[in-house]
Amino acid sequence: MVQAYILIQTEVGRAALAAATIAEISGVASSEEVSGPYDVIVRVDAADASHLTDDVLPQIQKVDGITRTLTCPVVTSTR
């Protein structure tokens, strides 16, 4: 499984609707409106990297009002 956080900037006043719309996308574990340099933070749980990049991310990027995304894959280390 691949997990990632996606930091999203939206047009002014579009964050709440974008977060709610994204929450309905398959693979999205959580989608929350936040304050700061980004407007929405999304956590994705994907089967593998190709599912993340080929299926989930394009659906998120199509949501109305999104102007920019930054994907941060979770890196886990084994000790």
Protein backbone atom coordinates (compact mmCIF):
# COMPACT_ATOMS: atom_id res chain seq x y z
CA MET A 1 0.00 0.00 0.00
CA VAL A 2 1.13 3.54 -0.77
CA GLN A 3 0.01 6.45 1.38
CA ALA A 4 0.38 10.10 0.47
CA TYR A 5 -0.65 13.53 1.67
CA ILE A 6 -1.79 15.94 -1.01
CA LEU A 7 -1.58 19.64 -0.22
CA ILE A 8 -4.03 21.66 -2.28
CA GLN A 9 -4.46 25.33 -3.09
CA THR A 10 -7.87 26.46 -4.32
CA GLU A 11 -9.51 29.54 -5.72
CA VAL A 12 -10.78 31.91 -3.02
CA GLY A 13 -13.92 30.55 -1.38
CA ARG A 14 -13.68 27.09 -3.00
CA ALA A 15 -11.87 25.09 -0.32
CA ALA A 16 -14.88 23.66 1.52
CA LEU A 17 -16.58 22.45 -1.66
CA ALA A 18 -13.31 21.04 -3.02
CA ALA A 19 -12.65 19.16 0.23
CA ALA A 20 -16.15 17.68 0.25
CA THR A 21 -15.92 16.65 -3.41
CA ILE A 22 -12.49 15.07 -2.96
CA ALA A 23 -13.71 13.11 0.08
CA GLU A 24 -15.98 11.12 -2.26
CA ILE A 25 -13.12 9.92 -4.51
CA SER A 26 -12.15 6.27 -4.15
CA GLY A 27 -8.81 5.94 -2.37
CA VAL A 28 -9.20 9.15 -0.38
CA ALA A 29 -8.96 8.37 3.34
CA SER A 30 -9.55 11.95 4.50
CA SER A 31 -10.02 15.41 3.03
CA GLU A 32 -10.02 18.47 5.25
CA GLU A 33 -10.15 22.22 4.78
CA VAL A 34 -7.28 23.92 6.61
CA SER A 35 -5.82 27.40 7.04
CA GLY A 36 -2.32 28.40 6.02
CA PRO A 37 -0.51 28.30 2.69
CA TYR A 38 -2.69 25.37 1.57
CA ASP A 39 -6.47 25.22 1.65
CA VAL A 40 -7.13 21.48 1.72
CA ILE A 41 -5.08 18.51 2.96
CA VAL A 42 -5.93 15.06 1.65
CA ARG A 43 -4.67 11.66 2.76
CA VAL A 44 -4.72 8.93 0.14
CA ASP A 45 -4.39 5.19 0.65
CA ALA A 46 -3.61 3.61 -2.75
CA ALA A 47 -2.91 0.00 -3.64
CA ASP A 48 0.40 0.97 -5.28
CA ALA A 49 2.23 3.95 -6.78
CA SER A 50 0.59 3.59 -10.20
CA HIS A 51 -2.88 3.60 -8.65
CA LEU A 52 -1.94 6.83 -6.87
CA THR A 53 -0.50 8.58 -9.92
CA ASP A 54 -2.73 7.16 -12.65
CA ASP A 55 -6.11 6.93 -10.92
CA VAL A 56 -6.45 8.95 -7.73
CA LEU A 57 -4.39 12.09 -8.46
CA PRO A 58 -6.00 12.84 -11.85
CA GLN A 59 -9.46 12.67 -10.26
CA ILE A 60 -8.40 15.08 -7.53
CA GLN A 61 -6.81 17.49 -9.99
CA LYS A 62 -10.04 17.64 -12.04
CA VAL A 63 -12.06 19.02 -9.10
CA ASP A 64 -13.36 22.53 -9.82
CA GLY A 65 -11.57 25.31 -7.99
CA ILE A 66 -8.22 23.59 -7.52
CA THR A 67 -5.29 25.72 -8.67
CA ARG A 68 -2.31 23.69 -7.46
CA THR A 69 -1.45 20.39 -5.79
CA LEU A 70 1.66 19.06 -4.07
CA THR A 71 1.88 15.32 -3.46
CA CYS A 72 3.91 14.07 -0.48
CA PRO A 73 4.25 10.27 -0.43
CA VAL A 74 4.64 8.82 3.05
CA VAL A 75 8.06 7.31 3.56
CA THR A 76 8.36 4.72 6.28
CA SER A 77 11.63 3.31 7.51
CA THR A 78 12.14 -0.06 9.05
CA ARG A 79 14.24 -0.26 12.18
